[in-house]
Amino acid sequence: MNGLPKITLEKGIHRTQNVIRIEFPYNLQVMDVLRKNTSATWSRTMRCWYVGEQDFNLHQFFTLLQPHAYIDYSGLKKSAPEVQPPVQAVSYPHRAHTGLPKGYREKLEQKRYSPSTIKTYMEYIKDFVHYFKGKEIDGLTKNEINDYILFLIQRHKISPSQQNQRINAIKFYYERVLELPRQYYDIERPRKTFVLPKVLSEQEILRILEATANLKHKTLLATIYSAGLRRSEVINLRKEDVDFDRNIIFIRGAKGKKDRIGILSDANSRLLNVYLKQFKPKYWMFESPDRKKYSSSSISRALNKSAITAGLNKKVTPHMLRHSFATHLLEQGVDMRYIQNLLGHESTKTTEIYTHVSKKSLNKIKSPLDRILDDKLKSSRQLQD
C-alpha cells in the first residue's frame, strides 16, 4: 500500500436509501478530494462518508482517489442490507380529551416543577387515566399499576428512562396529590444502566475551536467547555452574569433551580471581550439575529459543523464539552469536591463517574503485553551480551 490510507467501500442503507459507505482513517487529503470532486457526505449516524448508490461510479472514484489511497471495493460484491421499515411513533389522541386528576396540575405548579416536567407528567398521567377508563384510579392496587407499566414496556417498547418518568408521574399523584404514604406505592424500577460519559481529548477540543470560523460560535463553544456549562445554562447566560473583574460566571437557576458560580478562564475572557465588541448583544450573552435567546439546535449544528471540519469522525454533542471539562480537571489533579461545585452536582457520587474515563490512573498501569514484550527484549539483549 506504500503507506497510503485504506478506503473501504461497502453497500449500505441510509434513511431508507441505498448508499455506498466510504470508510477510511482520518485523512485531510482524502476528505478534501471527496468534498471538492464528489457528492459524498459525512453521516453522523453511520460515522462514515457515503454517496447515493445511483450517483456512484466506481471507475471515476478510482481515478480520483487511487493516487491518495488504497481502495478495497470487495464489499460492493455483497448484497446491501434490507431496508427496515421506519419505526412508527406511538400516537396518543386520547390526551386531547382526557381530564387530569383533581389537583394534579395545581400541585405540580405549587411544587415549582419546570414547564417541561409539568408537560411530561400531565401527558403520562392522562395515559394512566385513559388506560384505566371506567375505574376509579384512587382504588387501584399495586399489581394493577405494575401490570400497566409492563403493558407499556411490552406493547410500546418504552425506554428505561421513560419508564422511570412514567412511574414518577404516577407516584406524584398518589404521594403528593393524595398525600398517601410512600410505602403504599412501590412500583418495580428498571435496572439502572451504567453508561460512561463520552469525553474528547484536549487536542480534539483545540481542533474543534480552531476549526470554528464564526466568532460567535467559537466563543459559545469555548464558554461551554471552559466553564463546564450545560447547554441550557449557556443559553440562559446574560451579559451581566459574566464578571470580568473577578473572572467568574454566575449560573442562575440551573438544574434543580440552584445558582452557582463558574470559572471564567483568561482565554475565554479575551474571546468574550472580542465577541462583545463585534456582536454587541443587548441582554442575553448569546442572541439570535432577532435578539432572542440562542436556540439549542443552533448550538448543536454549530458544534457538529466544527467537529466535521476538524476531522473528528465521531458524533460530538454539547454535553460532551461539559464531560470533557470535568475529566480534564480531574486529570490535572483538581480535587473532586471543587469539580462537584463547578458542575453543580448534588452529590460527589455523580461527579465520581469521571474517574472511570480519566486516563490519570490508567497511566500508572502497565499492560501485561508491554511487560511480556519488555521481558523478551531484555532477555534477547542479555543473550547478545
Protein backbone atom coordinates (compact mmCIF):
# COMPACT_ATOMS: atom_id res chain seq x y z
CA MET A 1 0.00 0.00 0.00
CA ASN A 2 3.11 2.24 0.14
CA GLY A 3 1.90 3.94 3.31
CA LEU A 4 -1.34 5.13 1.74
CA PRO A 5 -4.54 5.07 3.81
CA LYS A 6 -7.09 2.37 3.04
CA ILE A 7 -10.58 3.24 1.78
CA THR A 8 -13.21 0.53 2.23
CA LEU A 9 -16.31 0.64 0.03
CA GLU A 10 -19.45 -1.19 1.09
CA LYS A 11 -23.15 -1.15 0.25
CA GLY A 12 -25.43 0.19 2.91
CA ILE A 13 -28.75 1.81 3.78
CA HIS A 14 -29.15 5.39 4.96
CA ARG A 15 -32.57 6.92 5.58
CA THR A 16 -34.19 4.06 3.60
CA GLN A 17 -31.96 4.80 0.58
CA ASN A 18 -29.29 2.56 -0.98
CA VAL A 19 -25.87 4.14 -0.48
CA ILE A 20 -22.17 3.35 -0.81
CA ARG A 21 -20.33 3.65 2.51
CA ILE A 22 -16.85 5.18 2.20
CA GLU A 23 -14.80 4.32 5.28
CA PHE A 24 -11.18 5.35 5.93
CA PRO A 25 -8.98 6.57 8.81
CA TYR A 26 -8.89 10.33 9.32
CA ASN A 27 -7.04 11.86 6.36
CA LEU A 28 -7.34 15.51 5.32
CA GLN A 29 -6.22 14.87 1.75
CA VAL A 30 -8.83 12.19 1.12
CA MET A 31 -11.54 14.31 2.74
CA ASP A 32 -10.58 17.30 0.58
CA VAL A 33 -10.84 15.22 -2.62
CA LEU A 34 -14.25 13.87 -1.57
CA ARG A 35 -15.59 17.35 -0.74
CA LYS A 36 -14.38 19.04 -3.94
CA ASN A 37 -14.90 16.31 -6.53
CA THR A 38 -17.76 14.06 -5.36
CA SER A 39 -21.22 14.28 -3.87
CA ALA A 40 -20.08 12.31 -0.80
CA THR A 41 -21.43 13.46 2.57
CA TRP A 42 -20.42 12.74 6.16
CA SER A 43 -23.08 10.85 8.17
CA ARG A 44 -23.13 11.27 11.94
CA THR A 45 -25.36 8.24 12.41
CA MET A 46 -23.28 5.88 10.25
CA ARG A 47 -20.00 7.57 11.30
CA CYS A 48 -18.62 7.43 7.78
CA TRP A 49 -18.80 9.20 4.42
CA TYR A 50 -21.39 7.99 1.91
CA VAL A 51 -22.77 8.65 -1.56
CA GLY A 52 -26.07 7.58 -3.10
CA GLU A 53 -25.71 4.31 -4.98
CA GLN A 54 -27.34 5.84 -8.06
CA ASP A 55 -24.69 8.59 -8.08
CA PHE A 56 -21.70 6.30 -7.58
CA ASN A 57 -19.30 5.46 -10.42
CA LEU A 58 -16.53 3.08 -9.38
CA HIS A 59 -14.24 3.97 -12.31
CA GLN A 60 -14.45 7.69 -11.59
CA PHE A 61 -13.93 7.05 -7.88
CA PHE A 62 -10.76 5.07 -8.65
CA THR A 63 -9.45 7.80 -10.95
CA LEU A 64 -9.92 10.44 -8.25
CA LEU A 65 -8.79 8.56 -5.15
CA GLN A 66 -6.23 5.97 -6.30
CA PRO A 67 -3.32 8.47 -6.11
CA HIS A 68 -4.21 9.17 -2.46
CA ALA A 69 -5.38 5.83 -1.04
CA TYR A 70 -5.58 2.06 -1.44
CA ILE A 71 -9.19 1.22 -2.34
CA ASP A 72 -10.84 -2.01 -1.18
CA TYR A 73 -14.08 -2.47 -3.13
CA SER A 74 -14.68 -6.14 -2.31
CA GLY A 75 -17.63 -5.13 -0.12
CA LEU A 76 -19.50 -3.90 -3.20
CA LYS A 77 -19.91 -7.52 -4.31
CA LYS A 78 -22.06 -8.23 -1.26
CA SER A 79 -25.77 -7.51 -1.15
CA ALA A 80 -26.90 -4.41 0.67
CA PRO A 81 -28.82 -4.97 3.93
CA GLU A 82 -32.58 -5.00 3.61
CA VAL A 83 -34.33 -1.72 4.21
CA GLN A 84 -36.09 -1.87 7.56
CA PRO A 85 -39.47 -0.16 7.72
CA PRO A 86 -39.33 3.05 9.78
CA VAL A 87 -40.47 2.74 13.37
CA GLN A 88 -43.92 4.22 13.74
CA ALA A 89 -44.15 6.77 16.51
CA VAL A 90 -46.78 5.97 19.13
CA SER A 91 -49.69 8.43 18.98
CA TYR A 92 -51.84 9.38 21.95
CA PRO A 93 -55.02 11.01 20.54
CA HIS A 94 -56.85 10.43 23.84
CA ARG A 95 -54.75 13.07 25.59
CA ALA A 96 -56.79 15.84 23.96
CA HIS A 97 -59.99 14.77 25.71
CA THR A 98 -58.74 13.02 28.85
CA GLY A 99 -59.04 15.06 32.03
CA LEU A 100 -56.37 15.39 34.71
CA PRO A 101 -56.94 14.05 38.21
CA LYS A 102 -58.21 16.79 40.50
CA GLY A 103 -55.42 18.95 41.89
CA TYR A 104 -52.68 17.32 39.79
CA ARG A 105 -51.57 20.35 37.78
CA GLU A 106 -52.03 22.72 40.70
CA LYS A 107 -49.73 20.61 42.90
CA LEU A 108 -47.08 20.46 40.16
CA GLU A 109 -47.12 24.24 39.86
CA GLN A 110 -47.16 24.65 43.63
CA LYS A 111 -44.03 22.49 43.87
CA ARG A 112 -42.49 24.68 41.13
CA TYR A 113 -41.66 21.89 38.74
CA SER A 114 -40.17 23.06 35.44
CA PRO A 115 -42.56 23.67 32.49
CA SER A 116 -41.12 20.68 30.60
CA THR A 117 -41.59 18.36 33.61
CA ILE A 118 -45.15 19.59 34.14
CA LYS A 119 -45.95 18.93 30.48
CA THR A 120 -44.45 15.42 30.59
CA TYR A 121 -46.12 14.45 33.88
CA MET A 122 -49.54 15.64 32.68
CA GLU A 123 -49.23 13.66 29.45
CA TYR A 124 -48.21 10.49 31.30
CA ILE A 125 -50.91 10.74 33.97
CA LYS A 126 -53.51 11.20 31.19
CA ASP A 127 -52.27 7.96 29.61
CA PHE A 128 -52.62 6.31 33.01
CA VAL A 129 -56.19 7.59 33.49
CA HIS A 130 -57.15 6.56 29.96
CA TYR A 131 -55.80 3.03 30.41
CA PHE A 132 -58.00 2.54 33.49
CA LYS A 133 -61.01 4.24 31.91
CA GLY A 134 -64.15 3.37 33.83
CA LYS A 135 -62.23 2.58 37.04
CA GLU A 136 -61.52 4.85 40.00
CA ILE A 137 -57.73 5.26 39.97
CA ASP A 138 -57.66 6.12 43.68
CA GLY A 139 -58.50 2.50 44.45
CA LEU A 140 -56.06 0.74 42.13
CA THR A 141 -53.85 -1.97 43.56
CA LYS A 142 -50.08 -2.15 43.27
CA ASN A 143 -50.40 -5.18 40.97
CA GLU A 144 -52.75 -3.34 38.62
CA ILE A 145 -50.32 -0.45 38.32
CA ASN A 146 -47.37 -2.77 37.80
CA ASP A 147 -49.34 -4.53 35.05
CA TYR A 148 -49.87 -1.15 33.39
CA ILE A 149 -46.12 -0.43 33.37
CA LEU A 150 -45.47 -3.92 32.00
CA PHE A 151 -48.03 -3.25 29.25
CA LEU A 152 -46.14 -0.09 28.23
CA ILE A 153 -42.83 -1.96 28.15
CA GLN A 154 -44.17 -4.86 26.07
CA ARG A 155 -46.57 -3.01 23.76
CA HIS A 156 -44.96 0.42 23.32
CA LYS A 157 -41.34 -0.60 23.97
CA ILE A 158 -40.75 2.38 26.26
CA SER A 159 -37.15 3.03 27.30
CA PRO A 160 -35.90 2.64 30.91
CA SER A 161 -35.72 6.43 31.10
CA GLN A 162 -39.34 6.85 30.06
CA GLN A 163 -40.37 4.04 32.39
CA ASN A 164 -38.87 5.96 35.30
CA GLN A 165 -40.58 9.19 34.25
CA ARG A 166 -43.96 7.49 33.97
CA ILE A 167 -43.51 5.89 37.38
CA ASN A 168 -42.61 9.28 38.85
CA ALA A 169 -45.70 10.87 37.28
CA ILE A 170 -47.91 8.17 38.86
CA LYS A 171 -46.15 8.35 42.22
CA PHE A 172 -46.58 12.12 42.23
CA TYR A 173 -50.34 11.69 42.16
CA TYR A 174 -50.53 9.17 45.00
CA GLU A 175 -47.81 10.62 47.22
CA ARG A 176 -48.09 14.38 46.60
CA VAL A 177 -51.67 15.00 45.49
CA LEU A 178 -53.43 12.33 47.60
CA GLU A 179 -50.66 12.53 50.25
CA LEU A 180 -50.63 8.76 50.75
CA PRO A 181 -47.60 7.18 52.46
CA ARG A 182 -44.75 6.11 50.19
CA GLN A 183 -44.94 2.54 51.46
CA TYR A 184 -48.35 2.25 49.84
CA TYR A 185 -46.92 2.57 46.38
CA ASP A 186 -43.83 0.65 45.32
CA ILE A 187 -43.50 0.03 41.59
CA GLU A 188 -40.64 -2.06 40.28
CA ARG A 189 -37.98 0.22 38.80
CA PRO A 190 -35.89 -0.66 35.75
CA ARG A 191 -32.33 -1.70 36.48
CA LYS A 192 -30.08 1.29 36.14
CA THR A 193 -27.69 1.17 33.22
CA PHE A 194 -24.13 2.31 33.80
CA VAL A 195 -23.12 4.46 30.84
CA LEU A 196 -19.74 6.16 30.79
CA PRO A 197 -19.69 9.81 29.72
CA LYS A 198 -18.24 10.41 26.27
CA VAL A 199 -15.15 12.59 26.51
CA LEU A 200 -12.99 14.43 23.98
CA SER A 201 -9.24 14.78 24.35
CA GLU A 202 -7.68 18.19 24.92
CA GLN A 203 -6.27 18.10 21.39
CA GLU A 204 -9.73 17.34 19.97
CA ILE A 205 -11.18 20.32 21.86
CA LEU A 206 -8.44 22.53 20.42
CA ARG A 207 -9.08 21.22 16.90
CA ILE A 208 -12.80 21.97 17.22
CA LEU A 209 -12.21 25.55 18.37
CA GLU A 210 -9.58 26.17 15.70
CA ALA A 211 -11.98 24.82 13.05
CA THR A 212 -14.76 27.20 14.15
CA ALA A 213 -14.51 30.24 11.89
CA ASN A 214 -17.64 32.02 13.17
CA LEU A 215 -16.64 34.18 16.17
CA LYS A 216 -20.00 33.80 17.95
CA HIS A 217 -19.91 30.01 17.61
CA LYS A 218 -16.26 29.83 18.70
CA THR A 219 -16.97 31.97 21.79
CA LEU A 220 -20.10 29.99 22.67
CA LEU A 221 -18.36 26.60 22.42
CA ALA A 222 -15.33 27.90 24.33
CA THR A 223 -17.63 29.16 27.10
CA ILE A 224 -19.37 25.78 27.43
CA TYR A 225 -16.06 23.89 27.65
CA SER A 226 -14.05 26.36 29.74
CA ALA A 227 -16.72 26.62 32.44
CA GLY A 228 -18.31 23.16 32.13
CA LEU A 229 -21.77 24.54 31.35
CA ARG A 230 -24.89 22.70 30.31
CA ARG A 231 -26.42 23.77 27.00
CA SER A 232 -29.41 25.32 28.82
CA GLU A 233 -27.04 27.27 31.09
CA VAL A 234 -25.14 28.92 28.26
CA ILE A 235 -28.43 29.75 26.51
CA ASN A 236 -29.73 31.49 29.67
CA LEU A 237 -26.47 33.35 30.29
CA ARG A 238 -27.00 37.11 30.47
CA LYS A 239 -24.37 39.77 29.77
CA GLU A 240 -24.45 40.83 33.41
CA ASP A 241 -23.76 37.27 34.56
CA VAL A 242 -20.12 37.49 33.41
CA ASP A 243 -17.87 39.29 35.90
CA PHE A 244 -14.65 40.11 34.04
CA ASP A 245 -13.03 41.75 37.09
CA ARG A 246 -13.44 38.69 39.33
CA ASN A 247 -13.11 36.13 36.50
CA ILE A 248 -16.33 34.35 37.39
CA ILE A 249 -19.58 33.42 35.66
CA PHE A 250 -22.90 33.42 37.53
CA ILE A 251 -25.06 30.46 36.52
CA ARG A 252 -28.58 31.34 37.64
CA GLY A 253 -31.47 28.92 38.12
CA ALA A 254 -29.52 25.90 36.89
CA LYS A 255 -30.70 22.29 37.23
CA GLY A 256 -32.63 21.91 40.46
CA LYS A 257 -33.28 25.67 40.45
CA LYS A 258 -29.89 26.31 42.08
CA ASP A 259 -27.50 29.17 41.43
CA ARG A 260 -23.75 28.59 41.32
CA ILE A 261 -20.53 30.28 40.31
CA GLY A 262 -18.35 29.05 37.44
CA ILE A 263 -14.85 29.97 36.36
CA LEU A 264 -14.10 32.49 33.62
CA SER A 265 -10.80 31.44 32.10
CA ASP A 266 -8.32 34.05 30.87
CA ALA A 267 -8.53 32.75 27.30
CA ASN A 268 -12.33 32.76 27.33
CA SER A 269 -12.37 36.23 28.90
CA ARG A 270 -10.31 37.62 25.99
CA LEU A 271 -12.52 35.83 23.47
CA LEU A 272 -15.71 37.12 25.09
CA ASN A 273 -14.44 40.71 25.02
CA VAL A 274 -13.70 40.49 21.29
CA TYR A 275 -17.10 38.90 20.69
CA LEU A 276 -18.96 41.56 22.71
CA LYS A 277 -17.34 44.40 20.78
CA GLN A 278 -18.24 42.86 17.43
CA PHE A 279 -21.74 41.47 18.05
CA LYS A 280 -22.96 43.88 20.77
CA PRO A 281 -25.68 41.63 22.28
CA LYS A 282 -28.43 43.55 24.10
CA TYR A 283 -29.43 41.31 27.02
CA TRP A 284 -28.54 37.66 26.53
CA MET A 285 -24.86 36.87 26.14
CA PHE A 286 -25.59 34.81 23.02
CA GLU A 287 -28.53 36.07 20.98
CA SER A 288 -30.19 35.04 17.74
CA PRO A 289 -30.37 37.62 14.89
CA ASP A 290 -33.76 38.80 16.26
CA ARG A 291 -32.16 39.40 19.72
CA LYS A 292 -33.86 36.41 21.37
CA LYS A 293 -32.17 33.57 23.25
CA TYR A 294 -29.91 31.45 21.10
CA SER A 295 -31.55 28.12 20.31
CA SER A 296 -30.22 24.77 21.50
CA SER A 297 -30.47 23.32 17.98
CA SER A 298 -28.24 26.12 16.64
CA ILE A 299 -25.57 25.19 19.19
CA SER A 300 -25.71 21.55 18.14
CA ARG A 301 -25.47 22.43 14.45
CA ALA A 302 -22.51 24.76 15.02
CA LEU A 303 -20.64 22.14 17.04
CA ASN A 304 -21.39 19.38 14.54
CA LYS A 305 -20.10 21.52 11.65
CA SER A 306 -16.90 22.36 13.54
CA ALA A 307 -16.32 18.71 14.51
CA ILE A 308 -16.62 17.62 10.87
CA THR A 309 -14.32 20.42 9.72
CA ALA A 310 -11.84 19.37 12.41
CA GLY A 311 -11.91 15.83 11.04
CA LEU A 312 -13.45 14.18 14.10
CA ASN A 313 -15.10 11.04 12.75
CA LYS A 314 -17.47 10.77 15.70
CA LYS A 315 -20.71 12.29 16.88
CA VAL A 316 -19.98 15.26 19.13
CA THR A 317 -22.64 16.82 21.38
CA PRO A 318 -22.54 20.00 23.51
CA HIS A 319 -22.75 17.89 26.69
CA MET A 320 -19.50 16.16 25.69
CA LEU A 321 -17.77 19.52 26.16
CA ARG A 322 -19.03 19.60 29.77
CA HIS A 323 -17.93 15.98 30.32
CA SER A 324 -14.52 16.83 28.86
CA PHE A 325 -14.17 19.87 31.15
CA ALA A 326 -14.73 17.71 34.25
CA THR A 327 -12.46 14.90 33.07
CA HIS A 328 -9.60 17.22 32.12
CA LEU A 329 -9.80 18.95 35.53
CA LEU A 330 -9.65 15.57 37.24
CA GLU A 331 -6.61 14.61 35.18
CA GLN A 332 -4.94 17.87 36.23
CA GLY A 333 -5.30 16.81 39.86
CA VAL A 334 -8.16 19.16 40.84
CA ASP A 335 -9.96 17.99 43.97
CA MET A 336 -13.24 16.13 43.30
CA ARG A 337 -15.18 18.47 45.62
CA TYR A 338 -14.19 21.54 43.59
CA ILE A 339 -15.26 19.83 40.37
CA GLN A 340 -18.55 18.87 42.01
CA ASN A 341 -19.22 22.53 42.90
CA LEU A 342 -18.24 23.79 39.45
CA LEU A 343 -20.60 21.32 37.78
CA GLY A 344 -23.43 21.97 40.25
CA HIS A 345 -23.77 18.31 41.24
CA GLU A 346 -25.87 17.48 44.29
CA SER A 347 -23.60 14.60 45.32
CA THR A 348 -19.98 13.59 44.77
CA LYS A 349 -21.31 10.23 43.55
CA THR A 350 -22.47 11.95 40.36
CA THR A 351 -19.06 13.54 39.86
CA GLU A 352 -17.19 10.31 40.57
CA ILE A 353 -18.30 8.86 37.23
CA TYR A 354 -15.49 10.87 35.60
CA THR A 355 -12.92 8.76 37.41
CA HIS A 356 -13.96 5.92 35.09
CA VAL A 357 -12.96 7.84 31.95
CA SER A 358 -9.96 9.71 33.30
CA LYS A 359 -6.63 8.43 31.98
CA LYS A 360 -4.81 9.66 35.10
CA SER A 361 -4.98 6.34 36.94
CA LEU A 362 -4.52 4.30 33.76
CA ASN A 363 -1.18 5.96 33.10
CA LYS A 364 0.15 4.24 36.22
CA ILE A 365 -0.86 0.79 34.96
CA LYS A 366 1.30 -1.17 32.55
CA SER A 367 -0.39 -3.62 30.22
CA PRO A 368 0.80 -7.22 30.65
CA LEU A 369 1.53 -7.30 26.90
CA ASP A 370 4.06 -4.47 27.31
CA ARG A 371 5.66 -6.29 30.25
CA ILE A 372 5.92 -9.55 28.30
CA LEU A 373 7.49 -7.85 25.29
CA ASP A 374 9.83 -5.83 27.51
CA ASP A 375 10.98 -9.01 29.26
CA LYS A 376 11.54 -10.70 25.90
CA LEU A 377 13.57 -7.74 24.64
CA LYS A 378 15.58 -7.68 27.86
CA SER A 379 16.33 -11.43 27.60
CA SER A 380 17.37 -11.03 23.96
CA ARG A 381 19.83 -8.27 24.87
CA GLN A 382 21.29 -10.33 27.68
CA LEU A 383 21.91 -13.23 25.26
CA GLN A 384 23.59 -10.87 22.81
CA ASP A 385 25.86 -9.55 25.55
